[in-house]
Structures are given as C-alpha cells and as structure tokens.
C-alpha cells in the first residue's frame, strides 16, 4: 500500500506509541488500541495502524495463523514465547519502516 507523508507520520506515531504496551498484550493490534486508550495516539492513527496490520496478514486474523499458512512455519514452532519475540521484532521493524 502507498501512504501519504502524513499517513506515514501517523503510522510511525502509532507504532512507536504501541511499543510499551506490547509486553502486556497478546496481539499487536491490542497494543495499538492500548496506546489510543492512554491518549498517546488519535483514533484515526489507531485505525490506520490496525488497518495496515490487517492488510499485511490478510486473509488471516492473527500473525500466528499467517506464519503457519503463508510462511509455512510449523505449528510446533509457534510457541507463545516465539510469538512474543516475533511481534516485538515486527513492531520494531514497523517503527523503523515508517520513521523514514
């Protein structure tokens, strides 16, 4: 997807704000929602970030399902510890991607 300069700034803000909440949340979208609930980002920034996440893992609803079915990672390797580490790396990469 192509984003405007302002959307890229909004995505950066949303993903950066979500980082402290990821430790407490199971899903990346939930961390974004928590950042919004804490008034760290606007509702439109929240929606933009959630839509990007949904777009990237489509047609799946979770990253673990996407990893299993699209990236062909066996279920036995998709542990909660591995998923937590993967989500953290993914969020860090999103922050980096939209920081430019």
Protein backbone atom coordinates (compact mmCIF):
# COMPACT_ATOMS: atom_id res chain seq x y z
CA UNK A 1 0.00 0.00 0.00
CA UNK A 2 1.09 3.55 -0.69
CA UNK A 3 0.81 6.08 2.12
CA UNK A 4 0.97 9.85 2.12
CA UNK A 5 3.67 11.64 4.09
CA UNK A 6 1.14 12.43 6.83
CA UNK A 7 -0.11 8.83 6.98
CA UNK A 8 3.49 7.64 7.31
CA UNK A 9 3.97 10.05 10.23
CA UNK A 10 0.73 8.80 11.78
CA UNK A 11 1.77 5.17 11.38
CA UNK A 12 5.15 5.90 12.93
CA UNK A 13 3.46 7.65 15.87
CA UNK A 14 1.01 4.78 16.36
CA UNK A 15 3.60 2.01 16.23
CA UNK A 16 6.08 3.92 18.41
CA UNK A 17 3.35 4.59 20.97
CA UNK A 18 2.29 0.92 20.95
CA UNK A 19 5.74 -0.39 21.89
CA UNK A 20 5.39 -0.05 25.68
CA UNK A 21 2.01 -1.80 25.57
CA UNK A 22 3.10 -4.83 23.53
CA UNK A 23 4.62 -6.52 26.59
CA UNK A 24 1.18 -6.63 28.25
CA UNK A 25 -0.82 -7.51 25.14
CA UNK A 26 -1.10 -10.73 23.16
CA UNK A 27 -1.71 -9.04 19.82
CA UNK A 28 -0.10 -6.08 18.09
CA UNK A 29 -3.49 -4.52 17.32
CA UNK A 30 -4.32 -4.64 21.02
CA UNK A 31 -1.12 -2.76 21.85
CA UNK A 32 -2.18 -0.08 19.35
CA UNK A 33 -5.62 0.10 20.98
CA UNK A 34 -4.00 0.47 24.41
CA UNK A 35 -1.87 3.35 23.12
CA UNK A 36 -5.09 5.03 21.97
CA UNK A 37 -6.83 4.37 25.31
CA UNK A 38 -3.86 6.01 27.04
CA UNK A 39 -4.31 9.07 24.78
CA UNK A 40 -0.91 8.54 23.17
CA UNK A 41 -2.41 8.46 19.65
CA UNK A 42 -5.60 9.62 17.95
CA UNK A 43 -8.44 7.36 16.89
CA UNK A 44 -7.54 7.89 13.23
CA UNK A 45 -3.91 6.89 13.92
CA UNK A 46 -5.18 3.80 15.71
CA UNK A 47 -7.42 2.82 12.80
CA UNK A 48 -4.71 3.44 10.23
CA UNK A 49 -2.26 1.22 12.13
CA UNK A 50 -4.81 -1.55 12.69
CA UNK A 51 -5.77 -1.48 9.01
CA UNK A 52 -2.13 -1.80 7.97
CA UNK A 53 -1.68 -4.81 10.26
CA UNK A 54 -4.85 -6.44 8.94
CA UNK A 55 -3.77 -5.77 5.35
CA UNK A 56 -0.36 -7.36 5.89
CA UNK A 57 -1.67 -10.58 7.41
CA UNK A 58 -4.73 -10.88 5.16
CA UNK A 59 -6.55 -13.21 4.71
CA UNK A 60 -5.64 -14.38 8.22
CA UNK A 61 -6.75 -12.85 11.51
CA UNK A 62 -3.62 -13.47 13.56
CA UNK A 63 0.10 -13.37 12.89
CA UNK A 64 0.48 -16.93 14.13
CA UNK A 65 -2.02 -18.18 11.54
CA UNK A 66 -0.28 -16.10 8.86
CA UNK A 67 3.09 -17.60 9.85
CA UNK A 68 1.70 -21.11 9.72
CA UNK A 69 -0.26 -20.87 6.50
CA UNK A 70 1.58 -18.24 4.44
CA UNK A 71 5.15 -18.57 5.69
CA UNK A 72 4.78 -22.34 6.27
CA UNK A 73 6.09 -22.25 9.85
CA UNK A 74 5.08 -25.49 11.62
CA UNK A 75 2.61 -25.08 14.49
CA UNK A 76 5.04 -26.70 16.94
CA UNK A 77 7.44 -23.78 16.38
CA UNK A 78 4.73 -21.18 17.01
CA UNK A 79 5.01 -21.07 20.79
CA UNK A 80 3.80 -18.15 22.90
CA UNK A 81 7.43 -17.22 23.63
CA UNK A 82 8.33 -17.30 19.93
CA UNK A 83 5.23 -15.27 19.03
CA UNK A 84 6.01 -12.63 21.66
CA UNK A 85 9.53 -12.27 20.24
CA UNK A 86 8.22 -12.20 16.66
CA UNK A 87 5.64 -9.49 17.44
CA UNK A 88 8.29 -7.40 19.16
CA UNK A 89 10.60 -7.67 16.13
CA UNK A 90 7.71 -6.92 13.77
CA UNK A 91 6.72 -3.82 15.74
CA UNK A 92 10.32 -2.63 15.79
CA UNK A 93 10.51 -3.11 12.02
CA UNK A 94 7.27 -1.16 11.53
CA UNK A 95 8.63 1.72 13.61
CA UNK A 96 11.79 1.68 11.51
CA UNK A 97 9.87 1.39 8.22
CA UNK A 98 7.71 4.45 8.95
CA UNK A 99 10.44 6.54 10.57
CA UNK A 100 11.84 7.44 7.13
